[in-house]
Amino acid sequence: MAQIIDPLPPDAQAALCCYVNATSKIQIARITNIPNWYFERVVFPGQRLVFEAFPQALLEIHSGMMSTILADTIPCDRLHVEVELEGDLQLGESETPLLSVAVES
């Protein structure tokens, strides 16, 4: 998965991560604990944010209307997902999914 804005270094051992905003408020997701790399995204209510990050990264979740408040800090190794490709990747109609994502808990 390519992150065009703020990409990880090319030799990085990145993990695919997923965060879901289960609230009714807009949130800001930030990673600030990795040197020479900064990640920040707006996450709308119900939105699923899929991103690449170092396993030791900490995802900060900020919420609030006028000023943001640090609501949660989640280690990215807890947000890790595994991607499995099923069958041949073919264009066209198919009754079986070509991509499945398994979330580790």
N, C-alpha and C. Protein backbone atom coordinates (compact mmCIF):
# COMPACT_ATOMS: atom_id res chain seq x y z
N MET A 1 0.85 -1.17 0.00
CA MET A 1 0.00 0.00 0.00
C MET A 1 0.89 1.23 0.00
N ALA A 2 0.68 2.11 -0.95
CA ALA A 2 1.52 3.30 -1.06
C ALA A 2 0.90 4.47 -0.31
N GLN A 3 1.72 5.13 0.48
CA GLN A 3 1.31 6.36 1.14
C GLN A 3 2.06 7.47 0.43
N ILE A 4 1.39 8.23 -0.38
CA ILE A 4 2.03 9.25 -1.18
C ILE A 4 2.46 10.43 -0.31
N ILE A 5 1.62 10.83 0.62
CA ILE A 5 1.94 11.93 1.52
C ILE A 5 2.67 11.34 2.72
N ASP A 6 3.80 11.90 3.10
CA ASP A 6 4.58 11.43 4.23
C ASP A 6 4.91 9.94 4.14
N PRO A 7 5.57 9.50 3.06
CA PRO A 7 5.86 8.06 2.95
C PRO A 7 6.89 7.61 3.98
N LEU A 8 6.84 6.34 4.31
CA LEU A 8 7.84 5.74 5.18
C LEU A 8 9.14 5.59 4.40
N PRO A 9 10.27 5.51 5.08
CA PRO A 9 11.53 5.27 4.36
C PRO A 9 11.44 3.97 3.55
N PRO A 10 12.15 3.90 2.40
CA PRO A 10 12.03 2.74 1.52
C PRO A 10 12.46 1.42 2.17
N ASP A 11 13.37 1.44 3.12
CA ASP A 11 13.83 0.21 3.76
C ASP A 11 13.06 -0.11 5.04
N ALA A 12 11.95 0.57 5.26
CA ALA A 12 11.18 0.41 6.50
C ALA A 12 10.45 -0.93 6.54
N GLN A 13 10.40 -1.52 7.72
CA GLN A 13 9.63 -2.74 7.95
C GLN A 13 8.25 -2.33 8.46
N ALA A 14 7.42 -1.85 7.57
CA ALA A 14 6.12 -1.30 7.95
C ALA A 14 5.07 -2.40 8.06
N ALA A 15 4.09 -2.13 8.89
CA ALA A 15 2.96 -3.04 9.06
C ALA A 15 1.70 -2.33 8.58
N LEU A 16 0.79 -3.07 7.99
CA LEU A 16 -0.49 -2.52 7.57
C LEU A 16 -1.39 -2.45 8.79
N CYS A 17 -1.98 -1.28 9.03
CA CYS A 17 -2.79 -1.04 10.22
C CYS A 17 -4.17 -0.51 9.82
N CYS A 18 -5.12 -0.69 10.73
CA CYS A 18 -6.48 -0.20 10.48
C CYS A 18 -7.06 0.36 11.78
N TYR A 19 -7.61 1.57 11.68
CA TYR A 19 -8.29 2.21 12.81
C TYR A 19 -9.69 2.61 12.34
N VAL A 20 -10.70 2.38 13.17
CA VAL A 20 -12.08 2.76 12.84
C VAL A 20 -12.56 3.80 13.85
N ASN A 21 -13.07 4.91 13.34
CA ASN A 21 -13.67 5.93 14.19
C ASN A 21 -15.10 5.50 14.50
N ALA A 22 -15.30 4.92 15.66
CA ALA A 22 -16.61 4.41 16.05
C ALA A 22 -17.45 5.47 16.77
N THR A 23 -16.99 6.72 16.77
CA THR A 23 -17.73 7.80 17.44
C THR A 23 -18.56 8.57 16.43
N SER A 24 -19.31 9.53 16.91
CA SER A 24 -20.10 10.40 16.04
C SER A 24 -19.38 11.72 15.79
N LYS A 25 -18.12 11.83 16.20
CA LYS A 25 -17.33 13.06 16.07
C LYS A 25 -16.17 12.86 15.09
N ILE A 26 -15.76 13.95 14.46
CA ILE A 26 -14.56 13.93 13.63
C ILE A 26 -13.35 13.81 14.55
N GLN A 27 -12.39 12.98 14.15
CA GLN A 27 -11.18 12.79 14.94
C GLN A 27 -9.95 13.11 14.08
N ILE A 28 -8.85 13.39 14.75
CA ILE A 28 -7.55 13.55 14.10
C ILE A 28 -6.68 12.40 14.58
N ALA A 29 -6.11 11.65 13.64
CA ALA A 29 -5.20 10.55 13.98
C ALA A 29 -3.78 11.02 13.67
N ARG A 30 -2.88 10.90 14.64
CA ARG A 30 -1.50 11.36 14.48
C ARG A 30 -0.52 10.31 14.99
N ILE A 31 0.63 10.24 14.32
CA ILE A 31 1.77 9.48 14.82
C ILE A 31 2.92 10.47 14.89
N THR A 32 3.46 10.67 16.10
CA THR A 32 4.52 11.67 16.28
C THR A 32 5.77 11.09 16.93
N ASN A 33 5.75 9.82 17.31
CA ASN A 33 6.88 9.27 18.07
C ASN A 33 7.96 8.62 17.20
N ILE A 34 7.85 8.71 15.88
CA ILE A 34 8.85 8.13 14.98
C ILE A 34 9.71 9.27 14.44
N PRO A 35 11.04 9.24 14.67
CA PRO A 35 11.92 10.32 14.19
C PRO A 35 11.89 10.45 12.66
N ASN A 36 11.90 11.68 12.19
CA ASN A 36 11.93 12.01 10.77
C ASN A 36 10.70 11.52 9.99
N TRP A 37 9.59 11.32 10.69
CA TRP A 37 8.36 10.92 10.03
C TRP A 37 7.18 11.45 10.82
N TYR A 38 6.20 12.01 10.12
CA TYR A 38 5.01 12.56 10.76
C TYR A 38 3.80 12.11 9.98
N PHE A 39 2.79 11.64 10.67
CA PHE A 39 1.57 11.13 10.05
C PHE A 39 0.38 11.81 10.72
N GLU A 40 -0.51 12.39 9.93
CA GLU A 40 -1.71 13.01 10.47
C GLU A 40 -2.82 12.90 9.45
N ARG A 41 -3.97 12.42 9.88
CA ARG A 41 -5.13 12.29 8.99
C ARG A 41 -6.40 12.66 9.75
N VAL A 42 -7.38 13.18 9.04
CA VAL A 42 -8.71 13.42 9.58
C VAL A 42 -9.50 12.13 9.38
N VAL A 43 -10.20 11.70 10.44
CA VAL A 43 -10.99 10.47 10.37
C VAL A 43 -12.43 10.83 10.70
N PHE A 44 -13.31 10.66 9.73
CA PHE A 44 -14.72 11.02 9.91
C PHE A 44 -15.47 9.91 10.64
N PRO A 45 -16.62 10.23 11.25
CA PRO A 45 -17.39 9.22 11.97
C PRO A 45 -17.68 8.00 11.09
N GLY A 46 -17.40 6.82 11.61
CA GLY A 46 -17.64 5.58 10.87
C GLY A 46 -16.57 5.24 9.83
N GLN A 47 -15.62 6.12 9.62
CA GLN A 47 -14.59 5.89 8.60
C GLN A 47 -13.56 4.88 9.10
N ARG A 48 -13.06 4.08 8.17
CA ARG A 48 -11.99 3.11 8.43
C ARG A 48 -10.72 3.68 7.82
N LEU A 49 -9.71 3.91 8.64
CA LEU A 49 -8.43 4.45 8.19
C LEU A 49 -7.44 3.30 8.09
N VAL A 50 -6.98 3.01 6.87
CA VAL A 50 -5.99 1.96 6.64
C VAL A 50 -4.69 2.65 6.26
N PHE A 51 -3.60 2.30 6.94
CA PHE A 51 -2.33 2.99 6.73
C PHE A 51 -1.17 2.06 7.06
N GLU A 52 0.03 2.44 6.63
CA GLU A 52 1.24 1.71 6.96
C GLU A 52 1.99 2.46 8.05
N ALA A 53 2.53 1.73 9.01
CA ALA A 53 3.29 2.36 10.10
C ALA A 53 4.26 1.34 10.68
N PHE A 54 5.22 1.86 11.43
CA PHE A 54 6.14 0.99 12.15
C PHE A 54 5.37 0.34 13.30
N PRO A 55 5.66 -0.91 13.63
CA PRO A 55 4.96 -1.57 14.75
C PRO A 55 5.12 -0.82 16.08
N GLN A 56 6.23 -0.12 16.28
CA GLN A 56 6.45 0.61 17.55
C GLN A 56 5.80 1.99 17.56
N ALA A 57 5.16 2.38 16.46
CA ALA A 57 4.50 3.69 16.40
C ALA A 57 3.29 3.73 17.33
N LEU A 58 2.99 4.92 17.81
CA LEU A 58 1.82 5.15 18.67
C LEU A 58 0.85 6.05 17.92
N LEU A 59 -0.37 5.56 17.70
CA LEU A 59 -1.41 6.35 17.04
C LEU A 59 -2.15 7.16 18.09
N GLU A 60 -2.04 8.48 17.99
CA GLU A 60 -2.76 9.37 18.91
C GLU A 60 -4.09 9.74 18.27
N ILE A 61 -5.16 9.64 19.04
CA ILE A 61 -6.48 10.02 18.56
C ILE A 61 -6.89 11.28 19.29
N HIS A 62 -7.10 12.35 18.53
CA HIS A 62 -7.50 13.64 19.08
C HIS A 62 -8.93 13.94 18.66
N SER A 63 -9.70 14.49 19.58
CA SER A 63 -11.09 14.86 19.27
C SER A 63 -11.40 16.21 19.92
N GLY A 64 -12.46 16.81 19.48
CA GLY A 64 -12.87 18.11 20.01
C GLY A 64 -13.25 19.04 18.89
N MET A 65 -14.09 20.02 19.19
CA MET A 65 -14.58 20.92 18.16
C MET A 65 -13.68 22.15 17.99
N MET A 66 -13.46 22.91 19.03
CA MET A 66 -12.68 24.13 18.92
C MET A 66 -11.18 23.88 19.12
N SER A 67 -10.86 23.02 20.04
CA SER A 67 -9.47 22.63 20.27
C SER A 67 -9.43 21.12 20.44
N THR A 68 -8.37 20.52 19.98
CA THR A 68 -8.33 19.06 20.06
C THR A 68 -7.80 18.60 21.41
N ILE A 69 -8.37 17.50 21.86
CA ILE A 69 -8.00 16.89 23.13
C ILE A 69 -7.51 15.48 22.81
N LEU A 70 -6.37 15.10 23.39
CA LEU A 70 -5.86 13.74 23.20
C LEU A 70 -6.82 12.78 23.89
N ALA A 71 -7.55 12.02 23.10
CA ALA A 71 -8.56 11.11 23.63
C ALA A 71 -8.03 9.71 23.87
N ASP A 72 -7.03 9.28 23.07
CA ASP A 72 -6.53 7.91 23.19
C ASP A 72 -5.17 7.80 22.52
N THR A 73 -4.36 6.88 22.97
CA THR A 73 -3.10 6.54 22.34
C THR A 73 -3.07 5.03 22.17
N ILE A 74 -2.93 4.57 20.93
CA ILE A 74 -3.02 3.15 20.63
C ILE A 74 -1.72 2.69 19.97
N PRO A 75 -1.06 1.67 20.50
CA PRO A 75 0.13 1.13 19.83
C PRO A 75 -0.27 0.52 18.48
N CYS A 76 0.48 0.85 17.44
CA CYS A 76 0.13 0.37 16.10
C CYS A 76 0.21 -1.14 15.96
N ASP A 77 0.99 -1.80 16.82
CA ASP A 77 1.02 -3.26 16.74
C ASP A 77 -0.32 -3.88 17.14
N ARG A 78 -1.17 -3.11 17.83
CA ARG A 78 -2.53 -3.57 18.17
C ARG A 78 -3.51 -3.31 17.05
N LEU A 79 -3.11 -2.51 16.05
CA LEU A 79 -3.98 -2.18 14.91
C LEU A 79 -3.58 -2.94 13.66
N HIS A 80 -2.62 -3.85 13.80
CA HIS A 80 -2.07 -4.60 12.66
C HIS A 80 -3.13 -5.47 12.00
N VAL A 81 -3.14 -5.48 10.68
CA VAL A 81 -4.03 -6.36 9.91
C VAL A 81 -3.18 -7.18 8.94
N GLU A 82 -3.66 -8.36 8.60
CA GLU A 82 -2.99 -9.20 7.62
C GLU A 82 -3.85 -9.24 6.37
N VAL A 83 -3.19 -9.16 5.23
CA VAL A 83 -3.89 -9.18 3.95
C VAL A 83 -3.59 -10.49 3.27
N GLU A 84 -4.64 -11.16 2.81
CA GLU A 84 -4.48 -12.40 2.07
C GLU A 84 -5.16 -12.24 0.73
N LEU A 85 -4.44 -12.55 -0.32
CA LEU A 85 -5.03 -12.54 -1.65
C LEU A 85 -5.57 -13.93 -1.94
N GLU A 86 -6.80 -13.98 -2.45
CA GLU A 86 -7.43 -15.26 -2.73
C GLU A 86 -7.57 -15.44 -4.24
N GLY A 87 -7.08 -16.54 -4.75
CA GLY A 87 -7.26 -16.86 -6.16
C GLY A 87 -6.50 -15.93 -7.08
N ASP A 88 -6.86 -15.97 -8.33
CA ASP A 88 -6.25 -15.11 -9.35
C ASP A 88 -6.89 -13.74 -9.31
N LEU A 89 -6.09 -12.73 -9.47
CA LEU A 89 -6.61 -11.37 -9.54
C LEU A 89 -7.08 -11.13 -10.96
N GLN A 90 -8.39 -11.17 -11.17
CA GLN A 90 -8.96 -10.99 -12.49
C GLN A 90 -9.98 -9.86 -12.43
N LEU A 91 -10.04 -9.10 -13.49
CA LEU A 91 -11.05 -8.06 -13.58
C LEU A 91 -12.34 -8.68 -14.07
N GLY A 92 -13.44 -8.12 -13.65
CA GLY A 92 -14.73 -8.64 -14.07
C GLY A 92 -15.56 -9.03 -12.87
N GLU A 93 -16.71 -9.62 -13.14
CA GLU A 93 -17.61 -9.99 -12.07
C GLU A 93 -17.15 -11.28 -11.41
N SER A 94 -17.26 -11.33 -10.12
CA SER A 94 -16.88 -12.50 -9.35
C SER A 94 -17.75 -12.58 -8.12
N GLU A 95 -18.13 -13.80 -7.75
CA GLU A 95 -18.94 -13.96 -6.55
C GLU A 95 -18.09 -14.14 -5.30
N THR A 96 -16.79 -14.40 -5.48
CA THR A 96 -15.92 -14.56 -4.33
C THR A 96 -15.03 -13.34 -4.19
N PRO A 97 -14.74 -12.94 -2.97
CA PRO A 97 -13.89 -11.75 -2.79
C PRO A 97 -12.45 -12.03 -3.22
N LEU A 98 -11.82 -11.04 -3.82
CA LEU A 98 -10.44 -11.16 -4.23
C LEU A 98 -9.49 -10.78 -3.12
N LEU A 99 -9.98 -10.04 -2.15
CA LEU A 99 -9.13 -9.55 -1.07
C LEU A 99 -9.86 -9.70 0.23
N SER A 100 -9.21 -10.30 1.20
CA SER A 100 -9.82 -10.39 2.53
C SER A 100 -8.82 -9.85 3.54
N VAL A 101 -9.33 -9.19 4.55
CA VAL A 101 -8.49 -8.60 5.59
C VAL A 101 -8.86 -9.24 6.91
N ALA A 102 -7.86 -9.81 7.59
CA ALA A 102 -8.07 -10.42 8.90
C ALA A 102 -7.47 -9.51 9.96
N VAL A 103 -8.25 -9.10 10.92
CA VAL A 103 -7.80 -8.22 11.98
C VAL A 103 -7.37 -9.06 13.17
N GLU A 104 -6.12 -8.83 13.64
CA GLU A 104 -5.65 -9.53 14.82
C GLU A 104 -6.10 -8.80 16.07
N SER A 105 -6.47 -9.55 17.10
CA SER A 105 -6.83 -8.89 18.35
C SER A 105 -5.90 -9.26 19.46
